[in-house]
Amino acid sequence: MGVVRPWGRLSAHDLDFASADSAMGHTADLALGLALAQPSRRVVCLNGDGSMLMSLGTLATIVETRAQNLVLFVIGNGTYEITGNQSVPSAASVDFAAVARAIGFPRVHHFEDAHRYQAALDGILKEPGPTFVNVSVQPEHEGPISRSGFETAPYLQSSLYGWSRRFRRALAERSRRSQ
């Protein structure tokens, strides 16, 4: 959840979505649902380490479904950044890449070096999934999300219900254009 505001500064695409409304721990679940519902589209999920720890069982479900269009990033900063940078229990001892390999992800990557990550990213995004990518970063201080005029990303200005309506319209429009 800590990446929801920074991503909004990078992209304002109609198909962007941030699961920030009381959904901590369910980002990968939602991404898997989208990947299964839209098998012809690449689904990229940016998940936090704290959020991933809350739903480790989702990793097994992703592997079982063989969602070839899903790339799951776990951004490891060791804190629950979105709620005030509280420490994630056992964050320093959990090796997410090893967990993903043990569960059976066919492609697993781990990066602690920004240059290596940047050099590999294009290739990773082209791999068939499911793909697991663990990226270690330093904690920031983004602060809690607010559904007010303060937020600039469109997906941070509406509820899940509002976003899902916008998302369906964007999918329908893209479908009409491709026919």
N, C-alpha and C. Protein backbone atom coordinates (compact mmCIF):
# COMPACT_ATOMS: atom_id res chain seq x y z
N MET A 1 0.81 -1.19 0.00
CA MET A 1 0.00 0.00 0.00
C MET A 1 0.86 1.26 0.00
N GLY A 2 2.10 1.16 0.42
CA GLY A 2 2.96 2.33 0.44
C GLY A 2 3.32 2.84 -0.95
N VAL A 3 3.12 2.03 -1.98
CA VAL A 3 3.47 2.47 -3.34
C VAL A 3 2.29 3.12 -4.06
N VAL A 4 1.12 3.19 -3.43
CA VAL A 4 -0.05 3.70 -4.14
C VAL A 4 0.09 5.17 -4.52
N ARG A 5 0.61 6.00 -3.66
CA ARG A 5 0.76 7.42 -3.99
C ARG A 5 1.93 7.62 -4.96
N PRO A 6 3.11 7.03 -4.74
CA PRO A 6 4.19 7.21 -5.72
C PRO A 6 3.80 6.75 -7.13
N TRP A 7 3.06 5.64 -7.23
CA TRP A 7 2.65 5.18 -8.57
C TRP A 7 1.74 6.23 -9.22
N GLY A 8 0.88 6.85 -8.46
CA GLY A 8 0.01 7.89 -8.99
C GLY A 8 0.77 9.08 -9.54
N ARG A 9 1.99 9.29 -9.09
CA ARG A 9 2.82 10.36 -9.64
C ARG A 9 3.46 9.93 -10.96
N LEU A 10 3.50 8.62 -11.21
CA LEU A 10 4.10 8.10 -12.44
C LEU A 10 3.08 7.84 -13.54
N SER A 11 1.86 7.50 -13.15
CA SER A 11 0.87 7.09 -14.15
C SER A 11 -0.53 7.50 -13.71
N ALA A 12 -1.33 7.92 -14.67
CA ALA A 12 -2.74 8.24 -14.43
C ALA A 12 -3.61 7.47 -15.41
N HIS A 13 -3.17 6.28 -15.77
CA HIS A 13 -3.88 5.43 -16.72
C HIS A 13 -5.23 5.01 -16.15
N ASP A 14 -6.25 4.92 -16.99
CA ASP A 14 -7.58 4.52 -16.54
C ASP A 14 -7.63 3.13 -15.92
N LEU A 15 -6.65 2.30 -16.25
CA LEU A 15 -6.66 0.95 -15.70
C LEU A 15 -5.77 0.81 -14.47
N ASP A 16 -5.19 1.90 -13.99
CA ASP A 16 -4.45 1.89 -12.73
C ASP A 16 -5.45 1.79 -11.58
N PHE A 17 -5.04 1.12 -10.53
CA PHE A 17 -5.90 1.02 -9.36
C PHE A 17 -5.04 0.82 -8.12
N ALA A 18 -5.43 1.46 -7.04
CA ALA A 18 -4.76 1.29 -5.76
C ALA A 18 -5.76 0.74 -4.77
N SER A 19 -5.47 -0.42 -4.24
CA SER A 19 -6.34 -1.04 -3.25
C SER A 19 -5.96 -0.51 -1.88
N ALA A 20 -6.42 0.68 -1.56
CA ALA A 20 -5.98 1.32 -0.32
C ALA A 20 -7.09 1.47 0.71
N ASP A 21 -8.30 1.10 0.40
CA ASP A 21 -9.42 1.27 1.34
C ASP A 21 -9.63 0.01 2.17
N SER A 22 -9.00 -0.05 3.31
CA SER A 22 -9.17 -1.17 4.22
C SER A 22 -8.95 -2.52 3.54
N ALA A 23 -8.04 -2.56 2.59
CA ALA A 23 -7.80 -3.80 1.85
C ALA A 23 -6.39 -4.31 2.06
N MET A 24 -5.72 -3.85 3.10
CA MET A 24 -4.36 -4.30 3.35
C MET A 24 -4.35 -5.82 3.44
N GLY A 25 -3.45 -6.41 2.69
CA GLY A 25 -3.34 -7.86 2.68
C GLY A 25 -4.06 -8.50 1.52
N HIS A 26 -4.80 -7.73 0.73
CA HIS A 26 -5.58 -8.33 -0.35
C HIS A 26 -5.22 -7.82 -1.74
N THR A 27 -4.13 -7.13 -1.87
CA THR A 27 -3.72 -6.61 -3.17
C THR A 27 -3.45 -7.73 -4.16
N ALA A 28 -2.70 -8.74 -3.73
CA ALA A 28 -2.39 -9.86 -4.63
C ALA A 28 -3.64 -10.66 -4.98
N ASP A 29 -4.58 -10.77 -4.03
CA ASP A 29 -5.85 -11.47 -4.30
C ASP A 29 -6.60 -10.77 -5.43
N LEU A 30 -6.72 -9.45 -5.31
CA LEU A 30 -7.44 -8.68 -6.32
C LEU A 30 -6.73 -8.78 -7.66
N ALA A 31 -5.41 -8.67 -7.67
CA ALA A 31 -4.66 -8.78 -8.91
C ALA A 31 -4.85 -10.14 -9.58
N LEU A 32 -4.86 -11.19 -8.79
CA LEU A 32 -5.11 -12.52 -9.35
C LEU A 32 -6.49 -12.59 -9.98
N GLY A 33 -7.49 -12.04 -9.31
CA GLY A 33 -8.84 -12.02 -9.87
C GLY A 33 -8.89 -11.28 -11.20
N LEU A 34 -8.20 -10.14 -11.27
CA LEU A 34 -8.15 -9.39 -12.52
C LEU A 34 -7.44 -10.19 -13.61
N ALA A 35 -6.33 -10.83 -13.25
CA ALA A 35 -5.57 -11.62 -14.22
C ALA A 35 -6.42 -12.77 -14.77
N LEU A 36 -7.17 -13.43 -13.91
CA LEU A 36 -8.01 -14.54 -14.37
C LEU A 36 -9.19 -14.04 -15.20
N ALA A 37 -9.73 -12.88 -14.85
CA ALA A 37 -10.87 -12.33 -15.59
C ALA A 37 -10.46 -11.72 -16.92
N GLN A 38 -9.21 -11.30 -17.03
CA GLN A 38 -8.70 -10.64 -18.24
C GLN A 38 -7.44 -11.34 -18.73
N PRO A 39 -7.54 -12.60 -19.17
CA PRO A 39 -6.33 -13.36 -19.50
C PRO A 39 -5.51 -12.80 -20.67
N SER A 40 -6.09 -11.94 -21.48
CA SER A 40 -5.33 -11.38 -22.60
C SER A 40 -4.58 -10.11 -22.21
N ARG A 41 -4.72 -9.68 -20.96
CA ARG A 41 -4.05 -8.46 -20.49
C ARG A 41 -3.00 -8.80 -19.44
N ARG A 42 -1.89 -8.07 -19.47
CA ARG A 42 -0.84 -8.22 -18.45
C ARG A 42 -1.31 -7.49 -17.19
N VAL A 43 -1.26 -8.16 -16.05
CA VAL A 43 -1.62 -7.56 -14.77
C VAL A 43 -0.35 -7.47 -13.93
N VAL A 44 -0.01 -6.26 -13.53
CA VAL A 44 1.17 -6.01 -12.71
C VAL A 44 0.69 -5.56 -11.34
N CYS A 45 1.07 -6.31 -10.32
CA CYS A 45 0.65 -6.02 -8.95
C CYS A 45 1.85 -5.54 -8.15
N LEU A 46 1.70 -4.37 -7.53
CA LEU A 46 2.72 -3.83 -6.63
C LEU A 46 2.20 -4.00 -5.22
N ASN A 47 2.81 -4.90 -4.48
CA ASN A 47 2.35 -5.26 -3.14
C ASN A 47 3.46 -4.96 -2.13
N GLY A 48 3.09 -4.57 -0.94
CA GLY A 48 4.06 -4.34 0.12
C GLY A 48 4.40 -5.61 0.86
N ASP A 49 5.54 -5.61 1.54
CA ASP A 49 5.95 -6.80 2.29
C ASP A 49 4.98 -7.09 3.44
N GLY A 50 4.52 -6.06 4.14
CA GLY A 50 3.56 -6.27 5.23
C GLY A 50 2.25 -6.82 4.71
N SER A 51 1.79 -6.28 3.61
CA SER A 51 0.56 -6.75 2.99
C SER A 51 0.70 -8.21 2.53
N MET A 52 1.85 -8.55 1.95
CA MET A 52 2.06 -9.92 1.48
C MET A 52 2.09 -10.90 2.63
N LEU A 53 2.68 -10.50 3.75
CA LEU A 53 2.71 -11.39 4.91
C LEU A 53 1.30 -11.72 5.42
N MET A 54 0.38 -10.79 5.23
CA MET A 54 -1.00 -11.01 5.69
C MET A 54 -1.75 -12.04 4.86
N SER A 55 -1.23 -12.36 3.69
CA SER A 55 -1.96 -13.29 2.81
C SER A 55 -1.02 -14.20 2.03
N LEU A 56 -0.09 -14.82 2.72
CA LEU A 56 0.88 -15.70 2.04
C LEU A 56 0.21 -16.83 1.27
N GLY A 57 -0.96 -17.26 1.72
CA GLY A 57 -1.67 -18.32 1.01
C GLY A 57 -2.01 -17.96 -0.42
N THR A 58 -2.12 -16.68 -0.70
CA THR A 58 -2.41 -16.23 -2.06
C THR A 58 -1.31 -16.68 -3.03
N LEU A 59 -0.08 -16.76 -2.55
CA LEU A 59 1.02 -17.19 -3.43
C LEU A 59 0.76 -18.59 -3.97
N ALA A 60 0.29 -19.48 -3.11
CA ALA A 60 -0.01 -20.85 -3.56
C ALA A 60 -1.17 -20.86 -4.56
N THR A 61 -2.16 -20.01 -4.34
CA THR A 61 -3.29 -19.93 -5.25
C THR A 61 -2.84 -19.40 -6.62
N ILE A 62 -1.97 -18.40 -6.62
CA ILE A 62 -1.45 -17.87 -7.89
C ILE A 62 -0.73 -18.96 -8.67
N VAL A 63 0.13 -19.71 -8.00
CA VAL A 63 0.86 -20.79 -8.67
C VAL A 63 -0.10 -21.85 -9.20
N GLU A 64 -1.09 -22.21 -8.40
CA GLU A 64 -2.06 -23.23 -8.81
C GLU A 64 -2.84 -22.82 -10.06
N THR A 65 -3.17 -21.52 -10.17
CA THR A 65 -3.95 -21.06 -11.33
C THR A 65 -3.11 -20.91 -12.58
N ARG A 66 -1.79 -20.85 -12.41
CA ARG A 66 -0.86 -20.67 -13.53
C ARG A 66 -1.19 -19.40 -14.35
N ALA A 67 -1.54 -18.34 -13.67
CA ALA A 67 -1.91 -17.07 -14.33
C ALA A 67 -0.70 -16.52 -15.09
N GLN A 68 -0.64 -16.82 -16.37
CA GLN A 68 0.53 -16.44 -17.17
C GLN A 68 0.63 -14.95 -17.43
N ASN A 69 -0.39 -14.21 -17.11
CA ASN A 69 -0.39 -12.77 -17.36
C ASN A 69 -0.16 -11.96 -16.08
N LEU A 70 0.26 -12.60 -14.99
CA LEU A 70 0.41 -11.91 -13.71
C LEU A 70 1.88 -11.79 -13.32
N VAL A 71 2.26 -10.55 -12.98
CA VAL A 71 3.58 -10.26 -12.42
C VAL A 71 3.33 -9.65 -11.05
N LEU A 72 3.80 -10.31 -10.01
CA LEU A 72 3.61 -9.86 -8.63
C LEU A 72 4.91 -9.32 -8.08
N PHE A 73 4.92 -8.03 -7.78
CA PHE A 73 6.06 -7.38 -7.14
C PHE A 73 5.77 -7.28 -5.65
N VAL A 74 6.72 -7.66 -4.82
CA VAL A 74 6.63 -7.41 -3.39
C VAL A 74 7.73 -6.41 -3.07
N ILE A 75 7.29 -5.24 -2.65
CA ILE A 75 8.21 -4.15 -2.33
C ILE A 75 8.52 -4.24 -0.84
N GLY A 76 9.74 -4.59 -0.52
CA GLY A 76 10.13 -4.83 0.87
C GLY A 76 10.86 -3.64 1.47
N ASN A 77 10.17 -2.96 2.39
CA ASN A 77 10.83 -1.87 3.12
C ASN A 77 10.81 -2.11 4.63
N GLY A 78 10.21 -3.22 5.05
CA GLY A 78 10.20 -3.58 6.47
C GLY A 78 9.24 -2.80 7.33
N THR A 79 8.40 -1.96 6.71
CA THR A 79 7.46 -1.16 7.50
C THR A 79 6.07 -1.16 6.86
N TYR A 80 5.10 -0.85 7.71
CA TYR A 80 3.75 -0.57 7.22
C TYR A 80 3.74 0.94 6.94
N GLU A 81 4.26 1.30 5.80
CA GLU A 81 4.50 2.71 5.49
C GLU A 81 3.23 3.54 5.48
N ILE A 82 2.17 3.00 4.93
CA ILE A 82 0.94 3.77 4.73
C ILE A 82 0.25 4.12 6.04
N THR A 83 0.58 3.41 7.12
CA THR A 83 -0.07 3.70 8.40
C THR A 83 0.89 4.33 9.41
N GLY A 84 2.08 4.72 8.96
CA GLY A 84 2.99 5.43 9.86
C GLY A 84 4.33 4.77 10.08
N ASN A 85 4.72 3.83 9.23
CA ASN A 85 6.03 3.19 9.27
C ASN A 85 6.26 2.30 10.49
N GLN A 86 5.19 1.65 10.98
CA GLN A 86 5.40 0.66 12.03
C GLN A 86 6.16 -0.52 11.44
N SER A 87 6.98 -1.16 12.23
CA SER A 87 7.76 -2.31 11.75
C SER A 87 6.86 -3.48 11.39
N VAL A 88 7.19 -4.14 10.29
CA VAL A 88 6.51 -5.37 9.90
C VAL A 88 7.14 -6.50 10.71
N PRO A 89 6.35 -7.27 11.47
CA PRO A 89 6.91 -8.36 12.26
C PRO A 89 7.72 -9.33 11.40
N SER A 90 8.90 -9.65 11.84
CA SER A 90 9.78 -10.62 11.18
C SER A 90 10.22 -10.22 9.78
N ALA A 91 10.04 -8.96 9.40
CA ALA A 91 10.38 -8.53 8.04
C ALA A 91 11.83 -8.84 7.69
N ALA A 92 12.72 -8.67 8.62
CA ALA A 92 14.14 -8.90 8.34
C ALA A 92 14.47 -10.37 8.13
N SER A 93 13.64 -11.27 8.64
CA SER A 93 13.96 -12.69 8.53
C SER A 93 13.17 -13.42 7.44
N VAL A 94 12.20 -12.76 6.82
CA VAL A 94 11.41 -13.42 5.77
C VAL A 94 12.09 -13.23 4.43
N ASP A 95 12.38 -14.32 3.75
CA ASP A 95 12.97 -14.29 2.41
C ASP A 95 11.85 -14.58 1.43
N PHE A 96 11.21 -13.53 0.94
CA PHE A 96 10.05 -13.70 0.06
C PHE A 96 10.40 -14.46 -1.22
N ALA A 97 11.58 -14.21 -1.77
CA ALA A 97 11.97 -14.93 -2.99
C ALA A 97 12.07 -16.43 -2.71
N ALA A 98 12.64 -16.82 -1.57
CA ALA A 98 12.73 -18.24 -1.22
C ALA A 98 11.34 -18.83 -1.01
N VAL A 99 10.44 -18.08 -0.39
CA VAL A 99 9.06 -18.55 -0.19
C VAL A 99 8.40 -18.77 -1.55
N ALA A 100 8.56 -17.82 -2.47
CA ALA A 100 7.95 -17.94 -3.80
C ALA A 100 8.51 -19.15 -4.55
N ARG A 101 9.81 -19.37 -4.46
CA ARG A 101 10.41 -20.56 -5.10
C ARG A 101 9.85 -21.84 -4.49
N ALA A 102 9.78 -21.89 -3.16
CA ALA A 102 9.30 -23.08 -2.47
C ALA A 102 7.84 -23.39 -2.83
N ILE A 103 7.04 -22.36 -3.04
CA ILE A 103 5.63 -22.55 -3.40
C ILE A 103 5.49 -22.99 -4.84
N GLY A 104 6.49 -22.68 -5.67
CA GLY A 104 6.45 -23.16 -7.05
C GLY A 104 6.34 -22.11 -8.13
N PHE A 105 6.59 -20.85 -7.81
CA PHE A 105 6.59 -19.83 -8.88
C PHE A 105 7.63 -20.22 -9.91
N PRO A 106 7.26 -20.23 -11.19
CA PRO A 106 8.23 -20.62 -12.21
C PRO A 106 9.34 -19.59 -12.44
N ARG A 107 9.06 -18.32 -12.16
CA ARG A 107 10.06 -17.28 -12.32
C ARG A 107 10.06 -16.41 -11.07
N VAL A 108 11.24 -16.32 -10.44
CA VAL A 108 11.40 -15.55 -9.20
C VAL A 108 12.64 -14.68 -9.33
N HIS A 109 12.49 -13.41 -8.96
CA HIS A 109 13.61 -12.46 -9.00
C HIS A 109 13.68 -11.73 -7.67
N HIS A 110 14.90 -11.39 -7.27
CA HIS A 110 15.09 -10.59 -6.06
C HIS A 110 16.15 -9.54 -6.35
N PHE A 111 15.85 -8.30 -5.97
CA PHE A 111 16.77 -7.20 -6.22
C PHE A 111 16.97 -6.36 -4.97
N GLU A 112 18.24 -6.07 -4.71
CA GLU A 112 18.61 -5.10 -3.68
C GLU A 112 19.35 -3.94 -4.30
N ASP A 113 19.77 -4.09 -5.55
CA ASP A 113 20.53 -3.08 -6.26
C ASP A 113 19.64 -2.45 -7.34
N ALA A 114 19.47 -1.13 -7.26
CA ALA A 114 18.58 -0.42 -8.19
C ALA A 114 19.04 -0.55 -9.64
N HIS A 115 20.34 -0.56 -9.90
CA HIS A 115 20.84 -0.65 -11.27
C HIS A 115 20.54 -2.02 -11.88
N ARG A 116 20.75 -3.08 -11.10
CA ARG A 116 20.43 -4.43 -11.60
C ARG A 116 18.94 -4.56 -11.86
N TYR A 117 18.14 -4.01 -10.97
CA TYR A 117 16.69 -4.04 -11.13
C TYR A 117 16.27 -3.31 -12.41
N GLN A 118 16.78 -2.12 -12.59
CA GLN A 118 16.42 -1.33 -13.76
C GLN A 118 16.83 -2.05 -15.05
N ALA A 119 18.00 -2.67 -15.05
CA ALA A 119 18.48 -3.38 -16.24
C ALA A 119 17.62 -4.61 -16.56
N ALA A 120 17.04 -5.23 -15.57
CA ALA A 120 16.27 -6.46 -15.77
C ALA A 120 14.78 -6.24 -15.97
N LEU A 121 14.26 -5.08 -15.61
CA LEU A 121 12.82 -4.86 -15.54
C LEU A 121 12.09 -5.12 -16.86
N ASP A 122 12.56 -4.59 -17.97
CA ASP A 122 11.86 -4.80 -19.25
C ASP A 122 11.71 -6.28 -19.57
N GLY A 123 12.77 -7.04 -19.37
CA GLY A 123 12.71 -8.48 -19.63
C GLY A 123 11.73 -9.20 -18.71
N ILE A 124 11.72 -8.81 -17.44
CA ILE A 124 10.81 -9.42 -16.47
C ILE A 124 9.36 -9.18 -16.88
N LEU A 125 9.06 -7.96 -17.32
CA LEU A 125 7.67 -7.65 -17.68
C LEU A 125 7.21 -8.37 -18.93
N LYS A 126 8.14 -8.93 -19.70
CA LYS A 126 7.78 -9.69 -20.91
C LYS A 126 7.70 -11.19 -20.66
N GLU A 127 8.17 -11.66 -19.51
CA GLU A 127 8.14 -13.09 -19.19
C GLU A 127 6.70 -13.58 -19.03
N PRO A 128 6.46 -14.83 -19.41
CA PRO A 128 5.15 -15.39 -19.07
C PRO A 128 5.09 -15.61 -17.56
N GLY A 129 3.95 -15.42 -16.99
CA GLY A 129 3.80 -15.57 -15.54
C GLY A 129 3.34 -16.95 -15.17
N PRO A 130 3.04 -17.13 -13.93
CA PRO A 130 3.17 -16.11 -12.91
C PRO A 130 4.64 -15.85 -12.58
N THR A 131 4.93 -14.58 -12.40
CA THR A 131 6.28 -14.14 -12.08
C THR A 131 6.25 -13.42 -10.74
N PHE A 132 7.25 -13.69 -9.92
CA PHE A 132 7.37 -13.08 -8.60
C PHE A 132 8.64 -12.24 -8.57
N VAL A 133 8.52 -10.98 -8.15
CA VAL A 133 9.66 -10.08 -8.08
C VAL A 133 9.68 -9.44 -6.69
N ASN A 134 10.78 -9.64 -5.97
CA ASN A 134 10.96 -9.03 -4.66
C ASN A 134 12.00 -7.92 -4.80
N VAL A 135 11.62 -6.71 -4.42
CA VAL A 135 12.50 -5.56 -4.52
C VAL A 135 12.67 -4.95 -3.14
N SER A 136 13.90 -4.88 -2.66
CA SER A 136 14.19 -4.27 -1.37
C SER A 136 14.42 -2.78 -1.56
N VAL A 137 13.72 -1.98 -0.76
CA VAL A 137 13.83 -0.52 -0.83
C VAL A 137 13.92 0.05 0.58
N GLN A 138 14.26 1.30 0.67
CA GLN A 138 14.29 2.00 1.96
C GLN A 138 12.89 2.55 2.24
N PRO A 139 12.47 2.57 3.50
CA PRO A 139 11.16 3.15 3.83
C PRO A 139 11.11 4.64 3.48
N GLU A 140 9.97 5.08 3.07
CA GLU A 140 9.70 6.50 2.83
C GLU A 140 8.68 6.95 3.86
N HIS A 141 8.06 8.06 3.62
CA HIS A 141 7.09 8.60 4.58
C HIS A 141 5.92 9.21 3.81
N GLU A 142 5.20 8.36 3.07
CA GLU A 142 4.09 8.83 2.25
C GLU A 142 2.88 9.24 3.07
N GLY A 143 2.66 8.60 4.19
CA GLY A 143 1.52 8.93 5.03
C GLY A 143 0.23 8.30 4.55
N PRO A 144 -0.80 8.35 5.38
CA PRO A 144 -2.09 7.73 5.06
C PRO A 144 -2.76 8.34 3.84
N ILE A 145 -3.52 7.53 3.14
CA ILE A 145 -4.28 7.96 1.97
C ILE A 145 -5.54 8.67 2.46
N SER A 146 -5.92 9.70 1.73
CA SER A 146 -7.12 10.46 2.06
C SER A 146 -7.95 10.61 0.80
N ARG A 147 -9.24 10.37 0.88
CA ARG A 147 -10.12 10.52 -0.28
C ARG A 147 -10.57 11.98 -0.38
N SER A 148 -9.60 12.87 -0.53
CA SER A 148 -9.90 14.29 -0.59
C SER A 148 -9.23 14.87 -1.83
N GLY A 149 -9.38 16.15 -2.01
CA GLY A 149 -8.75 16.84 -3.12
C GLY A 149 -7.24 16.83 -3.04
N PHE A 150 -6.70 16.43 -1.89
CA PHE A 150 -5.25 16.37 -1.70
C PHE A 150 -4.61 15.33 -2.62
N GLU A 151 -5.29 14.22 -2.86
CA GLU A 151 -4.74 13.15 -3.68
C GLU A 151 -4.84 13.51 -5.15
N THR A 152 -3.75 13.32 -5.89
CA THR A 152 -3.75 13.68 -7.31
C THR A 152 -4.10 12.51 -8.21
N ALA A 153 -3.79 11.29 -7.82
CA ALA A 153 -4.08 10.12 -8.67
C ALA A 153 -5.59 9.88 -8.70
N PRO A 154 -6.17 9.71 -9.88
CA PRO A 154 -7.62 9.49 -9.97
C PRO A 154 -8.10 8.31 -9.12
N TYR A 155 -7.31 7.23 -9.06
CA TYR A 155 -7.75 6.06 -8.30
C TYR A 155 -7.72 6.29 -6.80
N LEU A 156 -7.10 7.36 -6.34
CA LEU A 156 -7.10 7.68 -4.92
C LEU A 156 -8.20 8.67 -4.56
N GLN A 157 -8.97 9.08 -5.54
CA GLN A 157 -10.04 10.04 -5.30
C GLN A 157 -11.41 9.39 -5.24
N SER A 158 -11.47 8.08 -5.41
CA SER A 158 -12.78 7.42 -5.40
C SER A 158 -12.70 6.14 -4.59
N SER A 159 -13.86 5.60 -4.31
CA SER A 159 -13.96 4.34 -3.57
C SER A 159 -13.72 3.16 -4.51
N LEU A 160 -13.64 1.97 -3.96
CA LEU A 160 -13.53 0.76 -4.78
C LEU A 160 -14.69 0.68 -5.74
N TYR A 161 -15.89 0.99 -5.27
CA TYR A 161 -17.07 0.96 -6.14
C TYR A 161 -16.92 1.95 -7.29
N GLY A 162 -16.51 3.18 -6.98
CA GLY A 162 -16.34 4.19 -8.01
C GLY A 162 -15.26 3.80 -9.01
N TRP A 163 -14.15 3.29 -8.49
CA TRP A 163 -13.08 2.87 -9.39
C TRP A 163 -13.53 1.72 -10.28
N SER A 164 -14.26 0.74 -9.73
CA SER A 164 -14.65 -0.43 -10.54
C SER A 164 -15.56 0.00 -11.69
N ARG A 165 -16.41 0.98 -11.48
CA ARG A 165 -17.25 1.49 -12.57
C ARG A 165 -16.37 2.12 -13.65
N ARG A 166 -15.40 2.93 -13.24
CA ARG A 166 -14.49 3.58 -14.18
C ARG A 166 -13.65 2.54 -14.93
N PHE A 167 -13.19 1.53 -14.20
CA PHE A 167 -12.39 0.46 -14.78
C PHE A 167 -13.18 -0.29 -15.86
N ARG A 168 -14.43 -0.65 -15.56
CA ARG A 168 -15.27 -1.35 -16.55
C ARG A 168 -15.47 -0.51 -17.80
N ARG A 169 -15.69 0.79 -17.63
CA ARG A 169 -15.86 1.68 -18.79
C ARG A 169 -14.58 1.71 -19.62
N ALA A 170 -13.42 1.80 -18.97
CA ALA A 170 -12.14 1.84 -19.68
C ALA A 170 -11.90 0.54 -20.44
N LEU A 171 -12.22 -0.60 -19.83
CA LEU A 171 -12.07 -1.88 -20.52
C LEU A 171 -12.99 -1.96 -21.73
N ALA A 172 -14.23 -1.53 -21.56
CA ALA A 172 -15.20 -1.57 -22.67
C ALA A 172 -14.74 -0.68 -23.81
N GLU A 173 -14.25 0.51 -23.49
CA GLU A 173 -13.78 1.44 -24.52
C GLU A 173 -12.58 0.86 -25.27
N ARG A 174 -11.65 0.27 -24.56
CA ARG A 174 -10.48 -0.33 -25.22
C ARG A 174 -10.89 -1.53 -26.07
N SER A 175 -11.87 -2.26 -25.62
CA SER A 175 -12.37 -3.40 -26.39
C SER A 175 -13.02 -2.93 -27.69
N ARG A 176 -13.81 -1.86 -27.60
CA ARG A 176 -14.45 -1.31 -28.82
C ARG A 176 -13.41 -0.82 -29.81
N ARG A 177 -12.36 -0.16 -29.32
CA ARG A 177 -11.31 0.36 -30.19
C ARG A 177 -10.51 -0.74 -30.89
N SER A 178 -10.38 -1.89 -30.23
CA SER A 178 -9.57 -2.97 -30.81
C SER A 178 -10.36 -3.84 -31.80
N GLN A 179 -11.66 -3.62 -31.88
CA GLN A 179 -12.47 -4.45 -32.79
C GLN A 179 -12.48 -3.92 -34.19
